[in-house]
Amino acid sequence: MPTVTPPSQAALRLIANLLWRLQEAELPLDKLELFLCVISTVFDATGCPRGQQLGADDFLPVLVYVVAKCGFVGAEIEAEFMWGLLQPTLLNGEPGYYLTALCSAVQVLKTFMASEGESGSGSLDWRSSCLPACSSVLRVIIPDECNGSLQTRTLPVRPHTTTREVCRIIAHKARITNPQDYALFKLVDGEETLLTDAECPQDARLAAKGKHCMLAYKRIDAKIAWPTAQLAGH
């Protein structure tokens, strides 16, 4: 895994200039091209080697940090503008993923500011372990069957994102070549429940009614002995 460092002040000034140009652009396609330039600059600024992209667990908190430090107050409006006016085919794959990440970053900041207002203390850390929990961030356990370990991945999601879409995102980012053999499961006290394509994973977690609930993406036929104590630590 690459060593991730937050962008320098010089990099933040460059990113802020790109964001200003994005907000000044009138055509949605021009906005998207500038936004993808922003994403490329963020990757370059984190010390991530060329050709080795950040994982979602590292990228999302860095994007939250960038949005906050650059004062990108129009982030939510710009993201929704592009979602609404660009052809859906243009938002398949990476562009749609990064736009979703931008929406998630805004919601993380809103959640943080609301909690900070209540407590009157604290500062936002750019590392994923310190991100406040909110509906725009989904944490999913992914078993590594080769070494028997469990990994937790942080995914940016839009409101009412379906299981089908979450599975598509994970398969794309994890380079799963046989996604038809995988599915998303709800784990309550170590017990698995398969989520259907049309279900909303965020809603499924809320429906657990106070019980400790996690989400897991795994091969449908894989038999995993879920350690409830380990799950409780996430």
C-alpha atoms as a PDB file:
ATOM      1  CA  MET A   1       0.000   0.000   0.000  1.00  0.00           C
ATOM      2  CA  PRO A   2       1.292   3.491  -0.831  1.00  0.00           C
ATOM      3  CA  THR A   3       2.155   5.932   1.930  1.00  0.00           C
ATOM      4  CA  VAL A   4      -0.550   8.598   1.909  1.00  0.00           C
ATOM      5  CA  THR A   5       0.160  12.171   2.927  1.00  0.00           C
ATOM      6  CA  PRO A   6      -2.291  15.086   2.836  1.00  0.00           C
ATOM      7  CA  PRO A   7      -1.777  17.614   0.016  1.00  0.00           C
ATOM      8  CA  SER A   8       0.704  20.405   0.647  1.00  0.00           C
ATOM      9  CA  GLN A   9      -0.283  24.075   0.793  1.00  0.00           C
ATOM     10  CA  ALA A  10       1.047  24.563  -2.756  1.00  0.00           C
ATOM     11  CA  ALA A  11      -1.039  21.620  -3.997  1.00  0.00           C
ATOM     12  CA  LEU A  12      -4.114  22.952  -2.190  1.00  0.00           C
ATOM     13  CA  ARG A  13      -3.689  26.315  -3.927  1.00  0.00           C
ATOM     14  CA  LEU A  14      -3.545  24.550  -7.304  1.00  0.00           C
ATOM     15  CA  ILE A  15      -6.626  22.470  -6.458  1.00  0.00           C
ATOM     16  CA  ALA A  16      -8.486  25.559  -5.204  1.00  0.00           C
ATOM     17  CA  ASN A  17      -7.777  27.282  -8.538  1.00  0.00           C
ATOM     18  CA  LEU A  18      -9.178  24.289 -10.441  1.00  0.00           C
ATOM     19  CA  LEU A  19     -12.275  24.300  -8.221  1.00  0.00           C
ATOM     20  CA  TRP A  20     -12.773  28.016  -8.876  1.00  0.00           C
ATOM     21  CA  ARG A  21     -12.572  27.369 -12.628  1.00  0.00           C
ATOM     22  CA  LEU A  22     -15.046  24.504 -12.219  1.00  0.00           C
ATOM     23  CA  GLN A  23     -17.568  26.801 -10.547  1.00  0.00           C
ATOM     24  CA  GLU A  24     -17.074  29.449 -13.244  1.00  0.00           C
ATOM     25  CA  ALA A  25     -17.580  26.957 -16.107  1.00  0.00           C
ATOM     26  CA  GLU A  26     -21.056  26.959 -17.625  1.00  0.00           C
ATOM     27  CA  LEU A  27     -21.202  23.669 -19.521  1.00  0.00           C
ATOM     28  CA  PRO A  28     -21.635  20.446 -17.489  1.00  0.00           C
ATOM     29  CA  LEU A  29     -19.049  18.608 -19.611  1.00  0.00           C
ATOM     30  CA  ASP A  30     -16.485  21.360 -18.941  1.00  0.00           C
ATOM     31  CA  LYS A  31     -17.251  21.071 -15.224  1.00  0.00           C
ATOM     32  CA  LEU A  32     -16.733  17.306 -15.355  1.00  0.00           C
ATOM     33  CA  GLU A  33     -13.391  17.653 -17.154  1.00  0.00           C
ATOM     34  CA  LEU A  34     -12.185  20.165 -14.556  1.00  0.00           C
ATOM     35  CA  PHE A  35     -13.440  17.964 -11.735  1.00  0.00           C
ATOM     36  CA  LEU A  36     -11.469  15.000 -13.105  1.00  0.00           C
ATOM     37  CA  CYS A  37      -8.416  17.300 -13.265  1.00  0.00           C
ATOM     38  CA  VAL A  38      -9.019  18.020  -9.574  1.00  0.00           C
ATOM     39  CA  ILE A  39      -9.108  14.286  -8.810  1.00  0.00           C
ATOM     40  CA  SER A  40      -5.899  13.689 -10.775  1.00  0.00           C
ATOM     41  CA  THR A  41      -4.195  16.544  -8.909  1.00  0.00           C
ATOM     42  CA  VAL A  42      -5.359  15.132  -5.558  1.00  0.00           C
ATOM     43  CA  PHE A  43      -3.793  11.777  -6.415  1.00  0.00           C
ATOM     44  CA  ASP A  44      -0.533  13.442  -7.446  1.00  0.00           C
ATOM     45  CA  ALA A  45      -0.506  15.513  -4.255  1.00  0.00           C
ATOM     46  CA  THR A  46      -0.853  12.559  -1.876  1.00  0.00           C
ATOM     47  CA  GLY A  47       2.433  10.919  -2.775  1.00  0.00           C
ATOM     48  CA  CYS A  48       0.632   8.008  -4.432  1.00  0.00           C
ATOM     49  CA  PRO A  49       2.919   6.595  -7.190  1.00  0.00           C
ATOM     50  CA  ARG A  50       1.820   6.883 -10.801  1.00  0.00           C
ATOM     51  CA  GLY A  51      -0.360   3.947 -11.824  1.00  0.00           C
ATOM     52  CA  GLN A  52      -1.118   3.033  -8.204  1.00  0.00           C
ATOM     53  CA  GLN A  53      -4.411   4.576  -7.166  1.00  0.00           C
ATOM     54  CA  LEU A  54      -5.523   5.234  -3.629  1.00  0.00           C
ATOM     55  CA  GLY A  55      -8.033   2.839  -2.176  1.00  0.00           C
ATOM     56  CA  ALA A  56     -11.422   4.195  -1.146  1.00  0.00           C
ATOM     57  CA  ASP A  57     -10.379   4.120   2.525  1.00  0.00           C
ATOM     58  CA  ASP A  58      -7.587   6.583   1.790  1.00  0.00           C
ATOM     59  CA  PHE A  59      -9.154   8.604  -1.013  1.00  0.00           C
ATOM     60  CA  LEU A  60     -12.424   9.631   0.650  1.00  0.00           C
ATOM     61  CA  PRO A  61     -10.864  11.199   3.777  1.00  0.00           C
ATOM     62  CA  VAL A  62      -8.312  13.017   1.601  1.00  0.00           C
ATOM     63  CA  LEU A  63     -11.175  14.410  -0.509  1.00  0.00           C
ATOM     64  CA  VAL A  64     -12.985  15.526   2.667  1.00  0.00           C
ATOM     65  CA  TYR A  65      -9.776  17.279   3.727  1.00  0.00           C
ATOM     66  CA  VAL A  66      -9.423  18.985   0.321  1.00  0.00           C
ATOM     67  CA  VAL A  67     -13.049  20.188   0.219  1.00  0.00           C
ATOM     68  CA  ALA A  68     -12.688  21.626   3.717  1.00  0.00           C
ATOM     69  CA  LYS A  69      -9.276  23.244   3.224  1.00  0.00           C
ATOM     70  CA  CYS A  70     -10.169  24.734  -0.183  1.00  0.00           C
ATOM     71  CA  GLY A  71     -13.452  26.142   1.122  1.00  0.00           C
ATOM     72  CA  PHE A  72     -15.368  24.464  -1.726  1.00  0.00           C
ATOM     73  CA  VAL A  73     -18.767  25.634  -0.445  1.00  0.00           C
ATOM     74  CA  GLY A  74     -20.472  24.949  -3.785  1.00  0.00           C
ATOM     75  CA  ALA A  75     -19.427  21.285  -3.859  1.00  0.00           C
ATOM     76  CA  GLU A  76     -22.901  19.836  -3.333  1.00  0.00           C
ATOM     77  CA  ILE A  77     -24.561  22.128  -5.890  1.00  0.00           C
ATOM     78  CA  GLU A  78     -21.871  21.444  -8.487  1.00  0.00           C
ATOM     79  CA  ALA A  79     -22.087  17.682  -7.984  1.00  0.00           C
ATOM     80  CA  GLU A  80     -25.879  17.649  -8.315  1.00  0.00           C
ATOM     81  CA  PHE A  81     -25.628  19.916 -11.388  1.00  0.00           C
ATOM     82  CA  MET A  82     -23.352  17.407 -13.118  1.00  0.00           C
ATOM     83  CA  TRP A  83     -25.443  14.427 -12.010  1.00  0.00           C
ATOM     84  CA  GLY A  84     -28.581  16.046 -13.390  1.00  0.00           C
ATOM     85  CA  LEU A  85     -27.344  17.359 -16.734  1.00  0.00           C
ATOM     86  CA  LEU A  86     -24.670  14.950 -17.949  1.00  0.00           C
ATOM     87  CA  GLN A  87     -25.550  11.899 -20.011  1.00  0.00           C
ATOM     88  CA  PRO A  88     -25.727   8.825 -17.737  1.00  0.00           C
ATOM     89  CA  THR A  89     -23.239   7.007 -19.986  1.00  0.00           C
ATOM     90  CA  LEU A  90     -20.629   9.662 -19.135  1.00  0.00           C
ATOM     91  CA  LEU A  91     -21.036   8.878 -15.427  1.00  0.00           C
ATOM     92  CA  ASN A  92     -20.394   5.157 -15.675  1.00  0.00           C
ATOM     93  CA  GLY A  93     -17.246   3.935 -13.994  1.00  0.00           C
ATOM     94  CA  GLU A  94     -14.702   6.356 -12.537  1.00  0.00           C
ATOM     95  CA  PRO A  95     -16.465   9.720 -13.165  1.00  0.00           C
ATOM     96  CA  GLY A  96     -19.608   8.567 -11.372  1.00  0.00           C
ATOM     97  CA  TYR A  97     -17.575   7.061  -8.540  1.00  0.00           C
ATOM     98  CA  TYR A  98     -15.664  10.285  -7.934  1.00  0.00           C
ATOM     99  CA  LEU A  99     -18.801  12.431  -8.138  1.00  0.00           C
ATOM    100  CA  THR A 100     -20.394  10.145  -5.552  1.00  0.00           C
ATOM    101  CA  ALA A 101     -17.265  10.582  -3.423  1.00  0.00           C
ATOM    102  CA  LEU A 102     -17.655  14.366  -3.665  1.00  0.00           C
ATOM    103  CA  CYS A 103     -21.275  14.133  -2.459  1.00  0.00           C
ATOM    104  CA  SER A 104     -20.131  11.875   0.383  1.00  0.00           C
ATOM    105  CA  ALA A 105     -17.358  14.292   1.355  1.00  0.00           C
ATOM    106  CA  VAL A 106     -19.913  17.110   1.659  1.00  0.00           C
ATOM    107  CA  GLN A 107     -22.178  14.976   3.856  1.00  0.00           C
ATOM    108  CA  VAL A 108     -19.227  13.954   6.059  1.00  0.00           C
ATOM    109  CA  LEU A 109     -18.379  17.630   6.593  1.00  0.00           C
ATOM    110  CA  LYS A 110     -22.010  18.472   7.381  1.00  0.00           C
ATOM    111  CA  THR A 111     -22.143  15.637   9.918  1.00  0.00           C
ATOM    112  CA  PHE A 112     -18.867  16.741  11.466  1.00  0.00           C
ATOM    113  CA  MET A 113     -19.912  20.389  11.734  1.00  0.00           C
ATOM    114  CA  ALA A 114     -23.224  19.401  13.325  1.00  0.00           C
ATOM    115  CA  SER A 115     -21.501  17.181  15.907  1.00  0.00           C
ATOM    116  CA  GLU A 116     -18.821  19.800  16.561  1.00  0.00           C
ATOM    117  CA  GLY A 117     -21.529  22.381  17.133  1.00  0.00           C
ATOM    118  CA  GLU A 118     -23.063  20.146  19.786  1.00  0.00           C
ATOM    119  CA  SER A 119     -19.802  19.280  21.532  1.00  0.00           C
ATOM    120  CA  GLY A 120     -17.935  22.548  20.938  1.00  0.00           C
ATOM    121  CA  SER A 121     -14.662  20.698  20.467  1.00  0.00           C
ATOM    122  CA  GLY A 122     -12.739  18.485  18.105  1.00  0.00           C
ATOM    123  CA  SER A 123     -11.077  18.807  14.711  1.00  0.00           C
ATOM    124  CA  LEU A 124     -11.543  16.837  11.513  1.00  0.00           C
ATOM    125  CA  ASP A 125      -8.797  14.275  10.875  1.00  0.00           C
ATOM    126  CA  TRP A 126      -8.211  13.341   7.242  1.00  0.00           C
ATOM    127  CA  ARG A 127      -7.664   9.647   8.038  1.00  0.00           C
ATOM    128  CA  SER A 128     -10.533   7.240   7.332  1.00  0.00           C
ATOM    129  CA  SER A 129     -10.642   5.859  10.881  1.00  0.00           C
ATOM    130  CA  CYS A 130     -11.590   9.326  12.111  1.00  0.00           C
ATOM    131  CA  LEU A 131     -14.383  10.033   9.636  1.00  0.00           C
ATOM    132  CA  PRO A 132     -17.711  10.595  11.396  1.00  0.00           C
ATOM    133  CA  ALA A 133     -20.321   7.961  10.626  1.00  0.00           C
ATOM    134  CA  CYS A 134     -23.037   9.200   8.299  1.00  0.00           C
ATOM    135  CA  SER A 135     -25.421   7.920   5.630  1.00  0.00           C
ATOM    136  CA  SER A 136     -23.080   8.913   2.780  1.00  0.00           C
ATOM    137  CA  VAL A 137     -20.312   6.590   3.967  1.00  0.00           C
ATOM    138  CA  LEU A 138     -20.750   2.824   3.905  1.00  0.00           C
ATOM    139  CA  ARG A 139     -18.267   0.515   5.610  1.00  0.00           C
ATOM    140  CA  VAL A 140     -18.198  -2.995   4.178  1.00  0.00           C
ATOM    141  CA  ILE A 141     -16.271  -6.062   5.368  1.00  0.00           C
ATOM    142  CA  ILE A 142     -14.573  -8.020   2.581  1.00  0.00           C
ATOM    143  CA  PRO A 143     -13.086 -11.420   3.497  1.00  0.00           C
ATOM    144  CA  ASP A 144      -9.724 -12.329   1.981  1.00  0.00           C
ATOM    145  CA  GLU A 145     -10.101 -16.046   1.446  1.00  0.00           C
ATOM    146  CA  CYS A 146      -6.414 -16.461   0.551  1.00  0.00           C
ATOM    147  CA  ASN A 147      -5.103 -15.526   3.982  1.00  0.00           C
ATOM    148  CA  GLY A 148      -8.253 -15.817   6.082  1.00  0.00           C
ATOM    149  CA  SER A 149      -8.358 -12.148   7.061  1.00  0.00           C
ATOM    150  CA  LEU A 150     -11.168  -9.603   7.116  1.00  0.00           C
ATOM    151  CA  GLN A 151     -10.704  -6.177   5.526  1.00  0.00           C
ATOM    152  CA  THR A 152     -12.983  -3.189   6.008  1.00  0.00           C
ATOM    153  CA  ARG A 153     -13.528  -0.856   3.058  1.00  0.00           C
ATOM    154  CA  THR A 154     -15.095   2.607   3.159  1.00  0.00           C
ATOM    155  CA  LEU A 155     -17.343   3.430   0.210  1.00  0.00           C
ATOM    156  CA  PRO A 156     -18.887   6.746  -0.803  1.00  0.00           C
ATOM    157  CA  VAL A 157     -22.594   6.311  -1.534  1.00  0.00           C
ATOM    158  CA  ARG A 158     -25.486   8.550  -2.513  1.00  0.00           C
ATOM    159  CA  PRO A 159     -28.815   8.512  -0.652  1.00  0.00           C
ATOM    160  CA  HIS A 160     -30.911   5.419  -1.408  1.00  0.00           C
ATOM    161  CA  THR A 161     -28.061   3.623  -3.200  1.00  0.00           C
ATOM    162  CA  THR A 162     -29.162   0.047  -3.904  1.00  0.00           C
ATOM    163  CA  THR A 163     -27.383  -3.199  -3.141  1.00  0.00           C
ATOM    164  CA  ARG A 164     -26.855  -3.735  -6.869  1.00  0.00           C
ATOM    165  CA  GLU A 165     -24.997  -0.428  -7.145  1.00  0.00           C
ATOM    166  CA  VAL A 166     -22.895  -1.069  -4.022  1.00  0.00           C
ATOM    167  CA  CYS A 167     -21.876  -4.477  -5.372  1.00  0.00           C
ATOM    168  CA  ARG A 168     -21.006  -2.904  -8.727  1.00  0.00           C
ATOM    169  CA  ILE A 169     -18.778  -0.308  -7.050  1.00  0.00           C
ATOM    170  CA  ILE A 170     -16.960  -2.888  -4.913  1.00  0.00           C
ATOM    171  CA  ALA A 171     -16.450  -5.278  -7.832  1.00  0.00           C
ATOM    172  CA  HIS A 172     -15.073  -2.442  -9.957  1.00  0.00           C
ATOM    173  CA  LYS A 173     -12.687  -1.108  -7.305  1.00  0.00           C
ATOM    174  CA  ALA A 174     -11.555  -4.579  -6.173  1.00  0.00           C
ATOM    175  CA  ARG A 175     -11.210  -5.782  -9.779  1.00  0.00           C
ATOM    176  CA  ILE A 176     -13.501  -8.772  -9.199  1.00  0.00           C
ATOM    177  CA  THR A 177     -13.655 -10.684 -12.490  1.00  0.00           C
ATOM    178  CA  ASN A 178     -16.643 -12.863 -11.542  1.00  0.00           C
ATOM    179  CA  PRO A 179     -19.021 -10.418  -9.773  1.00  0.00           C
ATOM    180  CA  GLN A 180     -21.997 -12.698 -10.443  1.00  0.00           C
ATOM    181  CA  ASP A 181     -20.590 -15.043  -7.779  1.00  0.00           C
ATOM    182  CA  TYR A 182     -20.551 -12.326  -5.096  1.00  0.00           C
ATOM    183  CA  ALA A 183     -23.261 -10.613  -3.061  1.00  0.00           C
ATOM    184  CA  LEU A 184     -23.780  -8.180  -0.207  1.00  0.00           C
ATOM    185  CA  PHE A 185     -24.868  -9.566   3.154  1.00  0.00           C
ATOM    186  CA  LYS A 186     -26.152  -8.004   6.355  1.00  0.00           C
ATOM    187  CA  LEU A 187     -24.424  -9.345   9.466  1.00  0.00           C
ATOM    188  CA  VAL A 188     -26.265  -9.156  12.769  1.00  0.00           C
ATOM    189  CA  ASP A 189     -24.429 -10.878  15.625  1.00  0.00           C
ATOM    190  CA  GLY A 190     -22.529 -12.966  13.078  1.00  0.00           C
ATOM    191  CA  GLU A 191     -25.684 -14.161  11.283  1.00  0.00           C
ATOM    192  CA  GLU A 192     -25.794 -13.560   7.503  1.00  0.00           C
ATOM    193  CA  THR A 193     -28.805 -12.246   5.585  1.00  0.00           C
ATOM    194  CA  LEU A 194     -28.520 -11.824   1.804  1.00  0.00           C
ATOM    195  CA  LEU A 195     -29.570  -8.373   0.611  1.00  0.00           C
ATOM    196  CA  THR A 196     -31.566  -8.270  -2.609  1.00  0.00           C
ATOM    197  CA  ASP A 197     -30.501  -6.068  -5.530  1.00  0.00           C
ATOM    198  CA  ALA A 198     -33.207  -3.478  -4.908  1.00  0.00           C
ATOM    199  CA  GLU A 199     -32.653  -3.120  -1.141  1.00  0.00           C
ATOM    200  CA  CYS A 200     -30.919  -0.079   0.308  1.00  0.00           C
ATOM    201  CA  PRO A 201     -27.970  -1.163   2.516  1.00  0.00           C
ATOM    202  CA  GLN A 202     -28.196   2.014   4.626  1.00  0.00           C
ATOM    203  CA  ASP A 203     -31.841   1.218   5.393  1.00  0.00           C
ATOM    204  CA  ALA A 204     -30.962  -2.409   6.147  1.00  0.00           C
ATOM    205  CA  ARG A 205     -28.524  -1.279   8.825  1.00  0.00           C
ATOM    206  CA  LEU A 206     -31.070   1.068  10.380  1.00  0.00           C
ATOM    207  CA  ALA A 207     -33.623  -1.750  10.435  1.00  0.00           C
ATOM    208  CA  ALA A 208     -31.356  -3.750  12.747  1.00  0.00           C
ATOM    209  CA  LYS A 209     -33.007  -1.788  15.599  1.00  0.00           C
ATOM    210  CA  GLY A 210     -30.047  -1.223  17.876  1.00  0.00           C
ATOM    211  CA  LYS A 211     -28.341  -4.548  17.247  1.00  0.00           C
ATOM    212  CA  HIS A 212     -24.741  -4.449  16.033  1.00  0.00           C
ATOM    213  CA  CYS A 213     -25.029  -4.654  12.266  1.00  0.00           C
ATOM    214  CA  MET A 214     -22.335  -4.709   9.601  1.00  0.00           C
ATOM    215  CA  LEU A 215     -22.301  -5.283   5.862  1.00  0.00           C
ATOM    216  CA  ALA A 216     -20.135  -7.874   4.132  1.00  0.00           C
ATOM    217  CA  TYR A 217     -19.325  -8.471   0.466  1.00  0.00           C
ATOM    218  CA  LYS A 218     -18.292 -12.048  -0.249  1.00  0.00           C
ATOM    219  CA  ARG A 219     -18.639 -15.009  -2.538  1.00  0.00           C
ATOM    220  CA  ILE A 220     -22.166 -16.348  -2.218  1.00  0.00           C
ATOM    221  CA  ASP A 221     -20.895 -19.904  -1.642  1.00  0.00           C
ATOM    222  CA  ALA A 222     -18.129 -18.930   0.792  1.00  0.00           C
ATOM    223  CA  LYS A 223     -18.565 -20.165   4.343  1.00  0.00           C
ATOM    224  CA  ILE A 224     -17.151 -17.552   6.677  1.00  0.00           C
ATOM    225  CA  ALA A 225     -17.022 -17.970  10.456  1.00  0.00           C
ATOM    226  CA  TRP A 226     -17.714 -14.368  11.391  1.00  0.00           C
ATOM    227  CA  PRO A 227     -16.008 -13.461  14.686  1.00  0.00           C
ATOM    228  CA  THR A 228     -18.577 -11.253  16.390  1.00  0.00           C
ATOM    229  CA  ALA A 229     -15.981  -9.768  18.754  1.00  0.00           C
ATOM    230  CA  GLN A 230     -13.897  -8.610  15.786  1.00  0.00           C
ATOM    231  CA  LEU A 231     -16.943  -7.167  14.055  1.00  0.00           C
ATOM    232  CA  ALA A 232     -17.821  -5.226  17.152  1.00  0.00           C
ATOM    233  CA  GLY A 233     -14.436  -3.572  16.992  1.00  0.00           C
ATOM    234  CA  HIS A 234     -15.164  -1.932  13.617  1.00  0.00           C
END
